[in-house]
Structure formats: C-alpha cells, structure tokens
Amino acid sequence: MYQKLKISFLACIVLVGMSQMLNAQNDEEAIITRDLIRPPYLKKGDTIIILAPAGKIKDRSSVDPGIELANHWGLVVFFGNHLLSQDNTFAGSDDERLEDLQKALDDPSIKAIWAARGGYGTVRIIDDLDFSKFSEHPKWIIGYSDVTVLHNKVHELGYQSVHGQMPLTLDLEDPVQKESIQTLHRTLFGKKLQYKISASEYNRLGESSGQLVGGNLSIVYSMLASDTNLNMNGKILFIEDVGEALYHIDRMMISLKRAGFFDNCDGIIVGDFRLKSNEGNRFGKTLEEIVLEAAEGTDFPIVFDFPAGHVDDNRSLLLGSYVDMKVTKSKAKIRFR
C-alpha cells in the first residue's frame, strides 16, 4: 500500500510540474508577436485614392499639394466621390464617408488609400466597414491623427500601414517638410528606413525590438475595450497628440497603464505633443514626467522628442513593422526591418 501511495504521490508531482511548465510555455507563447502583412510597395503607374473619412475639406485646392506630390512620384490619383461633401464638421454624412472608404477598400486597382485630413469621424463608421476584399488585395492606409482608428483596425487584422503626412497638411515649399516628405516616399516605395535623433535628457536608456504600433494618444485611449484596442504584447508604442491639457494626457496614460498596456510592452516612442495653449503647467507635471510615471515598474527604453505628429516635420512611420530601438546617452536609433 505504501509503495502504491508513494508512486501516486510522485506521479502527482510530475503532473503538477508538467502543468506548470505548459502554463509557463503558454504564457511565453502568448506574448510572441505574429508578423503583420506588408502591402505591396508602390511603384510608378500605381493608382491611389484621396478621400476624407473624418473632417471636411474646404475645397479642392486644399488637397492640391497631395495631388502634385503623388503625380511627381509617378502615381495616378483618384478621389472619393464625396471628398468635398460637407455635413457639419464631417466630410459628408456617415453613409457617404463609409461609401467612399468601402469602395476604396474593395477596389483591387487601388494600391493606397491616402486620408486627406484627420479631424474626427472615422470611429463613427469603422464597425460598418467590410475588410474581406481588402484582405484579398491589401493596400496602404496612409495618414495620422484620426486615421489612427484605421491603423488600429488593420493592425488587429494583421496588416501594416503608414503614419505620415496628409494632403491637407502638406506644404511643398516649406523646407521644414522636406525631410518628412522624403521619408513618406521611402516608406511607400520600399526604401530603407531608419532614424537617428538627438538624445533627450528624459530618455530611458536601453535596447529592444518589437512591432511599432499606435498613433494619436486620444484615439488609442478611446479604443480601449473595443475590437480596435491594441494588443501591446511585444509591441513598441508610438504616441502623439495636439491641443490636450496635461491632466488629460495624464488621465489617458494612467488609463493605458491600468488596462495593462505596458505590462508586456517593449518600448515607447513619444512624438510631438502640442499642448493646450495658455495652460501653463498648473497640473504640476511635465509631459515627460507623466509618461515616465505611467511606465514605472517597467524597464523598456523610452524615446522623447521624436519628430512626428501634428508638426511640419512629421516623419513617416511604418506601423506594424518590426523595429530595433537603441537608446543611449548621446542619441536614439530606430531601425525598421
């Protein structure tokens, strides 16, 4: 009897140990990031479409710089049927904006969808979009600000996209925009993309690798608890924003922390934050202090002052791509694979 009990006891120990090993393995596998599909890079002769999924466009001349630039790159430009429609602050009704975007997603001849501007409104139509034909013929989604809704959606579906300049914000004569325009071309046409930027005293040093995701902080925050919420396991988070008060930014960063965003995150890249004007610092913390506090208890690198966001020097980012991130006392280097 003793011998039998001893064997059973040992068997239980073995089974428990195996179970713990499997659970640990499953936990490890849970943070492994899948490769996101990269749509075909653009080439001369490709067709792209400019449409407005959110804020309204004043007139055709507002997007002329985008048309000129795309034609200079050898691209053929089409427009959404409702590009110039207006419905209060929106570029047409929800149905009209949905129709333009759905047709662009479905059309295999369209190789890129370039949002004319941001604003607000894409979240109102995102749940009614059908991405089945997009999955058969993936194409680039290009833009920033409110376009973060689309970036999040296609990332969760398994596709890369481009955070970069939009036609309404382009000024082809502005020397400050020269670099950002070049990086948009490099990103879309498959050229090597990497950045070296001067160090901020607030940077957190270190090295990491992961998929770059994110965009406008207000949009990322608003996507919590939805099917366009980002899975941050093994990811590097890029954030930027405009016109927000410091306490609003703190609220959003703490909310992301409470939602577990930083538990298995591999890095944060902080772009431009044009704070609410005339606020001063009544909140008592700087932007950098807010971000660092939200990331307390983690050891991944953090980069501040990356040139991207609601600024003229808005460098392009290949969202969903793996990046290697190295932050030293003298500089920060971000290389896209």
Protein backbone atom coordinates (compact mmCIF):
# COMPACT_ATOMS: atom_id res chain seq x y z
CA MET A 1 0.00 0.00 0.00
CA TYR A 2 2.78 2.39 0.96
CA GLN A 3 4.55 1.70 -2.30
CA LYS A 4 1.41 2.45 -4.31
CA LEU A 5 0.76 5.70 -2.45
CA LYS A 6 4.35 6.73 -2.98
CA ILE A 7 4.09 6.14 -6.71
CA SER A 8 0.81 8.06 -6.90
CA PHE A 9 2.29 10.94 -4.94
CA LEU A 10 5.29 11.09 -7.27
CA ALA A 11 3.00 10.93 -10.27
CA CYS A 12 1.05 13.91 -8.94
CA ILE A 13 4.26 15.88 -8.51
CA VAL A 14 5.27 15.08 -12.10
CA LEU A 15 1.84 16.05 -13.43
CA VAL A 16 1.80 19.31 -11.49
CA GLY A 17 5.28 20.11 -12.71
CA MET A 18 4.32 19.38 -16.31
CA SER A 19 1.23 21.54 -15.93
CA GLN A 20 3.28 24.42 -14.59
CA MET A 21 5.76 24.06 -17.45
CA LEU A 22 2.95 24.07 -20.00
CA ASN A 23 1.33 27.10 -18.41
CA ALA A 24 4.65 28.93 -18.44
CA GLN A 25 5.14 27.94 -22.08
CA ASN A 26 1.64 29.14 -22.95
CA ASP A 27 2.30 32.44 -21.17
CA GLU A 28 5.51 32.85 -23.15
CA GLU A 29 3.79 31.99 -26.42
CA ALA A 30 1.04 34.48 -25.61
CA ILE A 31 3.45 37.39 -25.92
CA ILE A 32 5.01 36.24 -29.20
CA THR A 33 4.02 38.71 -31.89
CA ARG A 34 2.78 37.50 -35.26
CA ASP A 35 4.20 39.01 -38.43
CA LEU A 36 1.93 41.60 -39.99
CA ILE A 37 1.45 41.51 -43.74
CA ARG A 38 3.09 44.35 -45.63
CA PRO A 39 1.03 45.54 -48.62
CA PRO A 40 2.95 45.72 -51.93
CA TYR A 41 5.21 48.76 -52.08
CA LEU A 42 4.11 51.45 -54.52
CA LYS A 43 5.69 51.87 -57.95
CA LYS A 44 5.29 54.34 -60.78
CA GLY A 45 1.97 53.95 -62.55
CA ASP A 46 0.11 52.71 -59.45
CA THR A 47 -3.26 54.20 -58.60
CA ILE A 48 -4.02 55.73 -55.22
CA ILE A 49 -7.14 57.41 -53.88
CA ILE A 50 -7.52 60.51 -51.72
CA LEU A 51 -10.63 60.52 -49.56
CA ALA A 52 -11.87 62.08 -46.34
CA PRO A 53 -13.08 59.60 -43.70
CA ALA A 54 -13.46 62.25 -41.00
CA GLY A 55 -13.22 66.06 -41.11
CA LYS A 56 -14.50 68.12 -44.02
CA ILE A 57 -12.39 69.57 -46.83
CA LYS A 58 -12.91 73.24 -47.65
CA ASP A 59 -12.28 72.94 -51.38
CA ARG A 60 -10.29 71.05 -53.99
CA SER A 61 -7.28 73.35 -53.63
CA SER A 62 -6.81 72.05 -50.08
CA VAL A 63 -5.59 68.71 -51.45
CA ASP A 64 -3.72 70.05 -54.50
CA PRO A 65 -0.30 69.64 -52.80
CA GLY A 66 -1.05 65.96 -52.31
CA ILE A 67 -2.07 65.56 -55.95
CA GLU A 68 1.06 67.36 -57.12
CA LEU A 69 3.31 65.24 -54.93
CA ALA A 70 1.71 61.95 -55.94
CA ASN A 71 1.94 62.86 -59.63
CA HIS A 72 5.59 63.81 -59.15
CA TRP A 73 6.14 60.29 -57.82
CA GLY A 74 4.51 58.85 -60.94
CA LEU A 75 1.25 57.84 -59.25
CA VAL A 76 -2.26 58.12 -60.67
CA VAL A 77 -4.64 59.89 -58.30
CA PHE A 78 -8.38 59.31 -57.91
CA PHE A 79 -10.74 60.94 -55.42
CA GLY A 80 -13.54 59.69 -53.26
CA ASN A 81 -16.90 60.66 -54.71
CA HIS A 82 -17.73 62.54 -51.53
CA LEU A 83 -14.32 64.11 -50.90
CA LEU A 84 -15.82 67.62 -50.97
CA SER A 85 -19.14 66.77 -49.32
CA GLN A 86 -19.93 68.52 -46.06
CA ASP A 87 -22.16 67.63 -43.16
CA ASN A 88 -21.48 70.00 -40.27
CA THR A 89 -17.85 69.24 -39.33
CA PHE A 90 -17.75 65.99 -41.32
CA ALA A 91 -16.76 65.36 -44.93
CA GLY A 92 -20.26 64.22 -45.77
CA SER A 93 -22.68 62.05 -43.85
CA ASP A 94 -21.58 58.81 -42.19
CA ASP A 95 -23.08 56.89 -45.11
CA GLU A 96 -21.22 58.99 -47.67
CA ARG A 97 -17.86 58.64 -45.94
CA LEU A 98 -18.49 54.94 -45.45
CA GLU A 99 -19.32 54.51 -49.13
CA ASP A 100 -16.09 56.18 -50.27
CA LEU A 101 -13.92 54.18 -47.90
CA GLN A 102 -15.64 50.87 -48.61
CA LYS A 103 -15.26 51.27 -52.37
CA ALA A 104 -11.57 52.06 -51.92
CA LEU A 105 -11.06 49.00 -49.70
CA ASP A 106 -12.84 46.77 -52.21
CA ASP A 107 -11.14 48.00 -55.40
CA PRO A 108 -8.06 45.86 -56.20
CA SER A 109 -6.74 48.51 -58.60
CA ILE A 110 -6.32 50.97 -55.72
CA LYS A 111 -2.87 50.44 -54.16
CA ALA A 112 -3.08 53.05 -51.39
CA ILE A 113 -5.75 54.98 -49.50
CA TRP A 114 -4.50 58.42 -48.51
CA ALA A 115 -6.65 60.25 -45.97
CA ALA A 116 -6.95 63.89 -46.97
CA ARG A 117 -7.02 65.00 -43.33
CA GLY A 118 -7.84 63.90 -39.82
CA GLY A 119 -10.29 65.66 -37.54
CA TYR A 120 -12.96 63.41 -36.09
CA GLY A 121 -15.34 60.88 -37.59
CA THR A 122 -13.72 57.58 -38.62
CA VAL A 123 -14.80 55.86 -35.42
CA ARG A 124 -18.42 56.51 -36.42
CA ILE A 125 -18.10 54.24 -39.48
CA ILE A 126 -15.36 51.75 -38.54
CA ASP A 127 -17.74 49.00 -37.39
CA ASP A 128 -19.69 49.09 -40.67
CA LEU A 129 -16.65 48.54 -42.89
CA ASP A 130 -16.05 45.16 -44.52
CA PHE A 131 -12.36 44.30 -44.84
CA SER A 132 -12.77 40.94 -46.59
CA LYS A 133 -11.76 42.23 -50.04
CA PHE A 134 -9.03 44.35 -48.51
CA SER A 135 -7.60 41.13 -47.08
CA GLU A 136 -7.55 39.62 -50.58
CA HIS A 137 -5.76 42.67 -52.00
CA PRO A 138 -4.05 44.58 -49.15
CA LYS A 139 -3.21 48.23 -49.76
CA TRP A 140 -1.58 51.00 -47.80
CA ILE A 141 -3.60 53.11 -45.37
CA ILE A 142 -1.81 56.48 -45.03
CA GLY A 143 -2.40 59.27 -42.55
CA TYR A 144 -2.25 60.25 -38.90
CA SER A 145 -4.42 61.78 -36.15
CA ASP A 146 -7.98 60.41 -36.59
CA VAL A 147 -6.60 57.85 -39.09
CA THR A 148 -5.27 56.04 -36.01
CA VAL A 149 -8.68 54.33 -35.92
CA LEU A 150 -7.92 52.69 -39.27
CA HIS A 151 -4.33 51.92 -38.27
CA ASN A 152 -5.55 50.07 -35.18
CA LYS A 153 -8.15 48.17 -37.19
CA VAL A 154 -5.83 46.90 -39.90
CA HIS A 155 -3.14 46.02 -37.35
CA GLU A 156 -5.54 43.81 -35.44
CA LEU A 157 -6.49 42.23 -38.78
CA GLY A 158 -2.78 41.59 -39.43
CA TYR A 159 -1.62 44.35 -41.83
CA GLN A 160 0.91 47.16 -41.77
CA SER A 161 0.11 50.80 -42.52
CA VAL A 162 1.80 54.21 -42.73
CA HIS A 163 1.65 57.02 -40.19
CA GLY A 164 2.60 60.09 -42.21
CA GLN A 165 1.78 63.40 -43.85
CA MET A 166 -1.64 64.03 -45.39
CA PRO A 167 -2.58 66.26 -48.34
CA LEU A 168 -4.23 68.94 -46.21
CA THR A 169 -1.09 69.39 -44.10
CA LEU A 170 1.40 69.37 -46.98
CA ASP A 171 3.37 72.45 -47.97
CA LEU A 172 5.73 71.53 -50.79
CA GLU A 173 7.55 74.86 -50.48
CA ASP A 174 8.28 74.50 -46.78
CA PRO A 175 11.91 73.40 -46.22
CA VAL A 176 10.94 72.00 -42.81
CA GLN A 177 8.68 69.46 -44.52
CA LYS A 178 11.34 68.31 -46.96
CA GLU A 179 12.60 65.52 -44.73
CA SER A 180 9.15 64.26 -43.78
CA ILE A 181 8.11 64.15 -47.46
CA GLN A 182 11.24 62.18 -48.30
CA THR A 183 10.52 59.69 -45.52
CA LEU A 184 6.96 59.23 -46.80
CA HIS A 185 8.36 58.36 -50.22
CA ARG A 186 10.92 55.97 -48.73
CA THR A 187 8.28 54.23 -46.66
CA LEU A 188 5.78 53.76 -49.50
CA PHE A 189 8.31 52.78 -52.15
CA GLY A 190 10.22 50.28 -50.06
CA LYS A 191 13.43 52.14 -49.29
CA LYS A 192 15.44 51.55 -46.12
CA LEU A 193 14.03 53.49 -43.19
CA GLN A 194 15.87 54.36 -40.01
CA TYR A 195 16.14 57.35 -37.71
CA LYS A 196 18.85 58.78 -35.50
CA ILE A 197 17.67 61.58 -33.26
CA SER A 198 19.37 63.65 -30.61
CA ALA A 199 19.02 62.41 -27.06
CA SER A 200 16.55 63.92 -24.63
CA GLU A 201 17.60 64.15 -21.01
CA TYR A 202 14.38 62.33 -20.17
CA ASN A 203 15.04 59.33 -22.41
CA ARG A 204 15.18 55.95 -20.69
CA LEU A 205 18.21 54.08 -22.00
CA GLY A 206 18.20 50.56 -23.33
CA GLU A 207 17.68 48.33 -26.35
CA SER A 208 14.61 46.45 -27.55
CA SER A 209 12.84 45.13 -30.61
CA GLY A 210 9.16 44.84 -31.39
CA GLN A 211 6.35 45.81 -33.71
CA LEU A 212 5.66 49.53 -33.80
CA VAL A 213 2.00 50.44 -33.25
CA GLY A 214 -0.01 53.38 -32.00
CA GLY A 215 -0.60 56.91 -33.26
CA ASN A 216 -2.71 59.64 -31.72
CA LEU A 217 -2.92 59.10 -27.96
CA SER A 218 -6.52 60.33 -27.67
CA ILE A 219 -7.59 57.81 -30.31
CA VAL A 220 -5.59 54.94 -28.80
CA TYR A 221 -7.19 55.75 -25.44
CA SER A 222 -10.69 55.90 -26.94
CA MET A 223 -10.25 52.43 -28.46
CA LEU A 224 -9.88 50.71 -25.06
CA ALA A 225 -12.33 47.84 -24.53
CA SER A 226 -13.24 47.71 -28.24
CA ASP A 227 -12.22 45.38 -31.04
CA THR A 228 -9.83 48.06 -32.27
CA ASN A 229 -7.99 48.13 -28.96
CA LEU A 230 -4.29 47.40 -29.45
CA ASN A 231 -2.72 44.20 -28.19
CA MET A 232 0.53 45.55 -26.77
CA ASN A 233 2.32 42.24 -26.15
CA GLY A 234 5.75 42.50 -27.73
CA LYS A 235 4.95 45.92 -29.21
CA ILE A 236 6.58 49.34 -29.16
CA LEU A 237 4.05 52.12 -28.67
CA PHE A 238 4.25 55.40 -30.58
CA ILE A 239 2.11 58.27 -29.27
CA GLU A 240 1.48 61.92 -30.25
CA ASP A 241 -1.31 64.40 -29.69
CA VAL A 242 -2.39 68.01 -30.10
CA GLY A 243 -4.40 70.51 -28.06
CA GLU A 244 -4.65 68.41 -24.90
CA ALA A 245 -4.18 69.64 -21.35
CA LEU A 246 -1.52 67.92 -19.26
CA TYR A 247 -4.06 66.42 -16.89
CA HIS A 248 -5.91 64.95 -19.88
CA ILE A 249 -2.68 63.32 -21.02
CA ASP A 250 -2.10 62.00 -17.51
CA ARG A 251 -5.62 60.55 -17.43
CA MET A 252 -5.04 58.76 -20.73
CA MET A 253 -1.61 57.41 -19.80
CA ILE A 254 -2.82 56.13 -16.43
CA SER A 255 -5.81 54.51 -18.16
CA LEU A 256 -3.47 52.71 -20.56
CA LYS A 257 -1.40 51.55 -17.61
CA ARG A 258 -4.49 50.26 -15.78
CA ALA A 259 -5.51 48.42 -18.95
CA GLY A 260 -2.17 46.58 -18.94
CA PHE A 261 -0.71 48.35 -21.97
CA PHE A 262 2.79 48.45 -20.54
CA ASP A 263 2.93 45.01 -18.87
CA ASN A 264 4.47 43.28 -21.90
CA CYS A 265 5.30 46.38 -23.96
CA ASP A 266 8.85 46.65 -25.35
CA GLY A 267 9.21 50.42 -25.65
CA ILE A 268 7.58 53.82 -26.02
CA ILE A 269 8.34 56.47 -28.64
CA VAL A 270 6.89 59.88 -27.81
CA GLY A 271 6.27 62.17 -30.76
CA ASP A 272 5.19 65.78 -30.74
CA PHE A 273 2.61 66.95 -28.20
CA ARG A 274 1.28 70.42 -28.92
CA LEU A 275 -0.23 71.10 -25.55
CA LYS A 276 -3.38 73.11 -24.98
CA SER A 277 -2.44 76.76 -25.40
CA ASN A 278 -2.24 79.13 -22.44
CA GLU A 279 -2.49 76.29 -19.95
CA GLY A 280 0.94 76.75 -18.42
CA ASN A 281 1.76 73.91 -16.04
CA ARG A 282 -0.97 74.11 -13.46
CA PHE A 283 -1.03 70.30 -13.33
CA GLY A 284 2.44 70.25 -11.79
CA LYS A 285 3.99 67.56 -14.00
CA THR A 286 5.62 67.81 -17.41
CA LEU A 287 4.72 65.60 -20.34
CA GLU A 288 7.92 63.63 -19.83
CA GLU A 289 7.19 63.10 -16.14
CA ILE A 290 3.67 61.90 -16.95
CA VAL A 291 4.94 59.28 -19.42
CA LEU A 292 7.74 58.09 -17.15
CA GLU A 293 5.41 57.79 -14.19
CA ALA A 294 2.92 55.73 -16.21
CA ALA A 295 5.77 53.42 -17.21
CA GLU A 296 7.06 52.92 -13.65
CA GLY A 297 7.77 49.28 -12.85
CA THR A 298 8.95 48.53 -16.39
CA ASP A 299 12.45 48.55 -17.85
CA PHE A 300 11.93 49.10 -21.59
CA PRO A 301 13.55 52.08 -23.38
CA ILE A 302 11.62 55.31 -23.87
CA VAL A 303 12.36 57.97 -26.51
CA PHE A 304 11.10 61.55 -26.33
CA ASP A 305 11.00 64.30 -28.95
CA PHE A 306 10.59 62.05 -31.99
CA PRO A 307 9.70 64.28 -34.98
CA ALA A 308 6.23 63.02 -35.81
CA GLY A 309 2.70 64.18 -35.15
CA HIS A 310 0.85 67.45 -35.71
CA VAL A 311 4.00 69.24 -36.83
CA ASP A 312 5.54 70.23 -40.16
CA ASP A 313 8.45 67.84 -39.66
CA ASN A 314 6.20 64.79 -39.48
CA ARG A 315 8.47 61.82 -40.24
CA SER A 316 6.77 58.71 -41.57
CA LEU A 317 6.48 55.54 -39.54
CA LEU A 318 5.83 52.06 -40.86
CA LEU A 319 3.30 50.93 -38.28
CA GLY A 320 3.17 47.18 -37.73
CA SER A 321 6.77 46.73 -38.84
CA TYR A 322 9.40 45.31 -36.52
CA VAL A 323 11.81 47.96 -35.31
CA ASP A 324 15.09 47.78 -33.45
CA MET A 325 15.35 50.51 -30.86
CA LYS A 326 18.60 51.58 -29.22
CA VAL A 327 18.67 54.50 -26.79
CA THR A 328 21.99 55.79 -25.49
CA LYS A 329 23.08 58.94 -23.69
CA SER A 330 24.04 60.60 -26.98
CA LYS A 331 21.25 59.55 -29.35
CA ALA A 332 18.30 57.31 -30.08
CA LYS A 333 18.37 54.99 -33.09
CA ILE A 334 15.26 53.38 -34.55
CA ARG A 335 15.72 50.98 -37.44
CA PHE A 336 12.86 49.41 -39.40
CA ARG A 337 13.33 45.86 -40.64
